[in-house]
Protein backbone atom coordinates (compact mmCIF):
# COMPACT_ATOMS: atom_id res chain seq x y z
CA MET A 1 -41.74 24.94 4.08
CA GLN A 2 -44.72 24.23 1.80
CA LYS A 3 -42.74 25.41 -1.24
CA LEU A 4 -39.87 23.15 -0.26
CA LYS A 5 -42.21 20.15 -0.10
CA TYR A 6 -43.55 20.93 -3.58
CA LEU A 7 -40.01 21.34 -4.89
CA ILE A 8 -38.96 17.95 -3.49
CA LEU A 9 -42.11 16.30 -4.90
CA PHE A 10 -41.58 17.91 -8.32
CA SER A 11 -37.93 16.82 -8.36
CA ALA A 12 -38.86 13.25 -7.42
CA LEU A 13 -41.57 13.07 -10.09
CA SER A 14 -39.25 14.54 -12.71
CA ALA A 15 -36.54 12.03 -11.87
CA GLY A 16 -39.05 9.18 -12.04
CA LEU A 17 -40.38 10.31 -15.42
CA LEU A 18 -36.83 10.66 -16.74
CA ILE A 19 -36.01 7.12 -15.65
CA LEU A 20 -39.21 5.70 -17.15
CA PHE A 21 -39.44 7.69 -20.37
CA GLY A 22 -36.03 9.25 -20.91
CA PRO A 23 -34.01 8.32 -23.98
CA ILE A 24 -31.47 5.50 -23.92
CA VAL A 25 -28.01 7.01 -24.27
CA LEU A 26 -25.29 4.52 -25.18
CA PRO A 27 -21.55 5.24 -25.26
CA ASP A 28 -19.98 5.79 -28.65
CA ASN A 29 -18.26 2.42 -28.93
CA PHE A 30 -15.99 1.23 -31.71
CA GLN A 31 -17.18 1.97 -35.23
CA LEU A 32 -16.19 -0.18 -38.20
CA PRO A 33 -14.32 2.52 -40.16
CA GLU A 34 -12.30 3.36 -37.04
CA ILE A 35 -11.19 -0.18 -36.23
CA SER A 36 -10.79 -1.69 -39.71
CA GLN A 37 -7.09 -0.86 -39.84
CA SER A 38 -6.36 -2.31 -36.41
CA VAL A 39 -8.27 -5.59 -36.87
CA GLN A 40 -7.43 -6.48 -40.46
CA ASN A 41 -4.12 -8.15 -39.54
CA LYS A 42 -5.52 -9.97 -36.53
CA ASP A 43 -6.91 -13.50 -36.47
CA VAL A 44 -9.15 -13.12 -33.42
CA ILE A 45 -11.10 -10.14 -32.09
CA ILE A 46 -11.78 -10.24 -28.34
CA ILE A 47 -14.63 -7.99 -27.24
CA PHE A 48 -14.33 -7.28 -23.53
CA ASN A 49 -17.10 -6.17 -21.19
CA SER A 50 -16.57 -5.48 -17.50
CA GLY A 51 -18.90 -6.07 -14.59
CA GLY A 52 -20.79 -3.39 -12.68
CA TRP A 53 -21.80 -0.50 -14.91
CA GLY A 54 -19.76 -1.94 -17.77
CA ASN A 55 -17.57 1.14 -18.17
CA THR A 56 -14.32 0.03 -16.51
CA PRO A 57 -11.35 0.34 -18.90
CA LEU A 58 -9.44 -2.87 -19.48
CA ASP A 59 -6.27 -1.55 -17.84
CA LYS A 60 -8.24 -0.83 -14.64
CA ALA A 61 -10.33 -4.01 -14.62
CA LYS A 62 -8.07 -5.82 -12.15
CA ASP A 63 -10.72 -8.49 -11.58
CA PHE A 64 -10.97 -9.66 -15.21
CA ALA A 65 -8.09 -8.15 -17.18
CA PRO A 66 -5.74 -11.04 -16.20
CA VAL A 67 -8.27 -13.49 -17.64
CA VAL A 68 -8.43 -11.55 -20.91
CA GLU A 69 -4.64 -11.51 -20.99
CA GLY A 70 -4.63 -15.26 -20.37
CA ILE A 71 -7.05 -15.74 -23.28
CA GLN A 72 -4.67 -13.81 -25.53
CA GLN A 73 -1.70 -15.88 -24.36
CA THR A 74 -3.62 -19.07 -25.04
CA LEU A 75 -4.58 -17.90 -28.52
CA ASN A 76 -0.93 -17.14 -29.18
CA GLN A 77 -0.08 -20.70 -28.12
CA LEU A 78 -2.66 -21.90 -30.64
CA GLY A 79 -1.07 -19.83 -33.40
CA TYR A 80 -3.45 -16.87 -33.45
CA ASN A 81 -2.73 -13.18 -32.95
CA SER A 82 -5.51 -11.17 -31.35
CA ILE A 83 -6.76 -7.72 -30.43
CA VAL A 84 -8.98 -6.61 -27.55
CA LEU A 85 -11.83 -4.19 -28.22
CA PRO A 86 -13.50 -2.97 -25.01
CA TYR A 87 -17.24 -2.35 -25.21
CA GLN A 88 -18.67 0.12 -22.71
CA ARG A 89 -22.32 -0.18 -21.70
CA THR A 90 -22.66 3.04 -19.69
CA ARG A 91 -21.61 6.65 -20.18
CA GLU A 92 -19.88 8.51 -17.36
CA ASN A 93 -22.66 11.03 -16.64
CA LEU A 94 -26.07 11.18 -14.96
CA LEU A 95 -28.08 10.45 -18.09
CA GLY A 96 -25.69 7.64 -18.93
CA LYS A 97 -26.15 6.08 -15.48
CA ILE A 98 -29.93 6.36 -15.80
CA SER A 99 -29.74 4.66 -19.19
CA GLY A 100 -27.44 2.04 -17.70
CA ALA A 101 -29.92 1.31 -14.93
CA LYS A 102 -32.78 1.01 -17.41
CA GLU A 103 -30.72 -1.33 -19.55
CA PHE A 104 -29.91 -3.48 -16.52
CA PHE A 105 -33.58 -3.92 -15.61
CA ASN A 106 -34.46 -4.52 -19.26
CA SER A 107 -31.84 -7.27 -19.82
CA PHE A 108 -29.57 -4.93 -21.81
CA SER A 109 -32.02 -4.94 -24.71
CA ASN A 110 -30.62 -1.87 -26.50
CA SER A 111 -26.91 -2.22 -25.77
CA SER A 112 -26.88 -5.93 -26.64
CA GLN A 113 -28.66 -5.17 -29.92
CA ASP A 114 -26.09 -2.45 -30.62
CA LEU A 115 -23.17 -4.81 -30.07
CA ALA A 116 -24.84 -7.62 -32.00
CA ALA A 117 -25.22 -5.28 -34.99
CA LYS A 118 -21.55 -4.32 -34.75
CA ILE A 119 -20.53 -7.99 -34.67
CA GLU A 120 -22.69 -8.73 -37.71
CA ALA A 121 -20.95 -5.88 -39.54
CA LEU A 122 -17.52 -7.16 -38.47
CA ASN A 123 -18.38 -10.62 -39.72
CA LYS A 124 -19.62 -9.25 -43.04
CA ASN A 125 -16.47 -7.21 -43.64
CA PHE A 126 -14.01 -9.70 -42.11
CA PRO A 127 -15.59 -13.16 -42.56
CA ASP A 128 -12.28 -14.90 -41.82
CA LYS A 129 -11.99 -13.42 -38.32
CA LYS A 130 -12.98 -15.28 -35.18
CA ILE A 131 -14.67 -13.25 -32.44
CA ILE A 132 -14.60 -13.97 -28.72
CA LEU A 133 -16.96 -12.20 -26.32
CA ALA A 134 -15.68 -12.05 -22.74
CA GLY A 135 -17.72 -10.69 -19.85
CA LEU A 136 -17.68 -10.72 -16.05
CA SER A 137 -20.76 -10.66 -13.80
CA ASN A 138 -23.27 -8.21 -15.37
CA GLY A 139 -20.95 -8.27 -18.36
CA GLY A 140 -21.56 -12.01 -18.60
CA ASP A 141 -25.31 -11.42 -18.72
CA PHE A 142 -24.75 -8.77 -21.39
CA VAL A 143 -22.57 -11.12 -23.45
CA SER A 144 -25.20 -13.85 -23.29
CA GLU A 145 -27.92 -11.46 -24.47
CA THR A 146 -25.69 -10.24 -27.29
CA TYR A 147 -24.96 -13.77 -28.48
CA ARG A 148 -28.69 -14.56 -28.42
CA LYS A 149 -29.32 -11.76 -30.93
CA LEU A 150 -26.72 -12.83 -33.47
CA SER A 151 -27.82 -14.57 -36.62
CA PHE A 152 -27.31 -18.34 -36.68
CA LYS A 153 -24.64 -17.99 -39.37
CA VAL A 154 -22.60 -15.50 -37.34
CA GLN A 155 -22.97 -17.53 -34.14
CA ASN A 156 -20.86 -20.23 -35.78
CA SER A 157 -17.80 -17.95 -35.83
CA VAL A 158 -18.38 -16.26 -32.46
CA TYR A 159 -17.42 -17.71 -29.08
CA ALA A 160 -18.22 -16.43 -25.61
CA ILE A 161 -16.59 -16.77 -22.20
CA THR A 162 -18.69 -15.55 -19.29
CA ALA A 163 -17.73 -15.56 -15.61
CA GLY A 164 -19.95 -15.04 -12.59
CA THR A 165 -23.17 -14.31 -14.46
CA PRO A 166 -25.82 -13.38 -11.83
CA PHE A 167 -28.50 -15.94 -10.98
CA TRP A 168 -31.32 -13.75 -12.34
CA ALA A 169 -29.90 -13.77 -15.88
CA ASP A 170 -31.60 -15.85 -18.54
CA ASN A 171 -28.44 -17.46 -19.90
CA PHE A 172 -28.44 -18.39 -23.56
CA LYS A 173 -27.19 -21.94 -24.06
CA SER A 174 -24.77 -22.81 -26.85
CA ASN A 175 -21.81 -25.12 -27.40
CA ASN A 176 -19.86 -21.96 -28.28
CA ILE A 177 -20.43 -20.39 -24.85
CA LEU A 178 -18.30 -21.23 -21.81
CA GLN A 179 -20.02 -20.23 -18.56
CA LEU A 180 -17.79 -20.15 -15.47
CA ASN A 181 -19.27 -20.36 -11.97
CA ASN A 182 -16.25 -21.36 -9.84
CA ASN A 183 -17.56 -24.93 -9.67
CA GLY A 184 -20.76 -23.80 -7.99
CA LYS A 185 -18.99 -21.72 -5.32
CA ASP A 186 -20.06 -18.31 -6.64
CA SER A 187 -22.90 -17.08 -4.43
CA LEU A 188 -24.05 -14.57 -7.06
CA VAL A 189 -24.36 -17.27 -9.71
CA GLU A 190 -26.03 -19.76 -7.37
CA GLY A 191 -28.33 -17.19 -5.77
CA ASN A 192 -27.31 -17.99 -2.20
CA VAL A 193 -29.34 -15.38 -0.33
CA LYS A 194 -27.65 -15.46 3.08
CA PRO A 195 -24.04 -14.66 1.97
CA LEU A 196 -25.31 -12.14 -0.60
CA LEU A 197 -27.34 -10.32 2.04
CA SER A 198 -24.42 -10.41 4.47
CA THR A 199 -22.11 -8.90 1.86
CA ALA A 200 -24.63 -6.19 0.95
CA LEU A 201 -25.08 -5.15 4.59
CA ALA A 202 -21.34 -5.12 5.36
CA ALA A 203 -20.19 -3.27 2.23
CA PRO A 204 -21.23 0.29 3.27
CA PHE A 205 -19.44 -0.04 6.61
CA LYS A 206 -16.26 -1.38 4.94
CA TRP A 207 -16.35 1.48 2.45
CA PHE A 208 -16.87 4.09 5.19
CA TRP A 209 -14.06 2.60 7.29
CA ALA A 210 -11.71 2.70 4.27
CA LYS A 211 -12.54 6.37 3.73
CA LEU A 212 -11.86 7.16 7.38
CA ASN A 213 -8.44 5.56 6.94
CA GLU A 214 -7.87 7.65 3.78
CA GLN A 215 -7.88 4.61 1.51
CA ASN A 216 -8.83 5.41 -2.07
CA ILE A 217 -11.23 2.54 -2.69
CA SER A 218 -14.42 2.31 -4.69
CA PHE A 219 -17.66 0.92 -3.31
CA SER A 220 -17.53 -1.99 -5.75
CA GLN A 221 -14.13 -3.02 -4.38
CA VAL A 222 -15.54 -3.60 -0.91
CA PHE A 223 -18.59 -5.39 -2.27
CA GLN A 224 -16.82 -8.76 -2.41
CA ILE A 225 -19.13 -11.74 -2.93
CA ASN A 226 -18.13 -15.25 -1.90
CA GLY A 227 -16.73 -17.18 -4.85
CA HIS A 228 -17.08 -14.23 -7.23
CA ASP A 229 -13.33 -14.08 -7.86
CA TYR A 230 -12.12 -15.40 -11.21
CA SER A 231 -8.35 -15.49 -11.20
CA TRP A 232 -6.27 -16.73 -14.11
CA ASN A 233 -3.81 -18.05 -11.51
CA SER A 234 -6.43 -20.57 -10.43
CA PRO A 235 -5.97 -23.81 -12.45
CA LYS A 236 -9.71 -24.42 -12.14
CA ILE A 237 -10.27 -21.24 -14.15
CA SER A 238 -7.36 -21.13 -16.58
CA SER A 239 -7.39 -24.84 -17.46
CA VAL A 240 -11.10 -24.78 -18.31
CA ILE A 241 -10.66 -21.72 -20.55
CA VAL A 242 -7.60 -23.22 -22.24
CA SER A 243 -9.46 -26.47 -22.88
CA PHE A 244 -12.45 -24.59 -24.31
CA LEU A 245 -10.34 -22.47 -26.66
CA ASP A 246 -8.33 -25.49 -27.74
CA SER A 247 -11.48 -27.49 -28.54
CA LYS A 248 -12.86 -24.64 -30.66
CA LEU A 249 -9.77 -23.14 -32.28
CA SER A 250 -6.94 -25.68 -32.17
CA ARG A 251 -4.79 -25.75 -35.31
CA SER A 252 -2.14 -28.21 -34.12
CA LYS A 253 -2.52 -31.79 -35.26
CA SER A 254 -0.25 -34.74 -34.74
CA ALA A 255 0.94 -37.01 -37.55
CA ASP A 256 -2.06 -39.34 -37.15
CA GLY A 257 -4.48 -36.41 -37.46
CA LYS A 258 -5.35 -36.18 -33.78
CA GLU A 259 -5.01 -32.97 -31.84
CA ASP A 260 -1.63 -32.44 -30.21
CA LEU A 261 -2.33 -30.89 -26.80
CA SER A 262 1.17 -31.18 -25.35
CA SER A 263 2.10 -27.52 -25.78
CA LEU A 264 -1.11 -26.32 -24.12
CA THR A 265 -0.75 -28.84 -21.32
CA ASN A 266 2.73 -27.50 -20.61
CA TYR A 267 1.39 -23.95 -20.78
CA VAL A 268 -1.29 -24.61 -18.16
CA ASN A 269 1.14 -26.42 -15.86
CA THR A 270 3.64 -23.57 -15.91
CA HIS A 271 1.25 -20.59 -15.53
């Protein structure tokens, strides 16, 4: 019994030391030589970052993928072709999760610096490209931190769309950043303690009940926060994004030199 106690204590101390002093391990995200061919014929590069651990592939990010698709459709309406480059914050292993947790508590200092450096390199090699950062929840916090670390020159050609950024984040303010909060209805953005606590307490029971009923559902899927749903089908979401992109990237002008918004207005009304 005494040996078991020492083993548990040693394991706990080792885990603590690893979390505190272990190396930061970031995923091997897109490298410039690898993506040069795919981006050179595109007008806009969309860099996508999911919520949670930041490692959800775009095709499985049901909560934000429709928004990214809507952004691409809007860009097409504006006369731009685009490409989406997912950026993963966390590796799918124990050391990766430990690094991801450290990054979360340290405001994504290393991963945001890594992405900022990649964006600077993209801008240097493709100065004519526009870049849009898109992030949900923790991904929104990460996007904001990344934008903060860009040089002033590069910030002028980079835009950001964040949705549901948590209340504890120190959001960077810029005219080139659109921050969505569901018109103040997102409890995570507003920091409404009571609904957040209620959701946190109910989530384990919902997850356990789903497992008992043989439903293949992740814990994050049952952790549903009030107002933390950003659907492209909601006019309050899509119209704001369309208006933002139009104000920053519109190419269409009427004969008197004013912006012609008719095509985008029709687009919003029919989607």
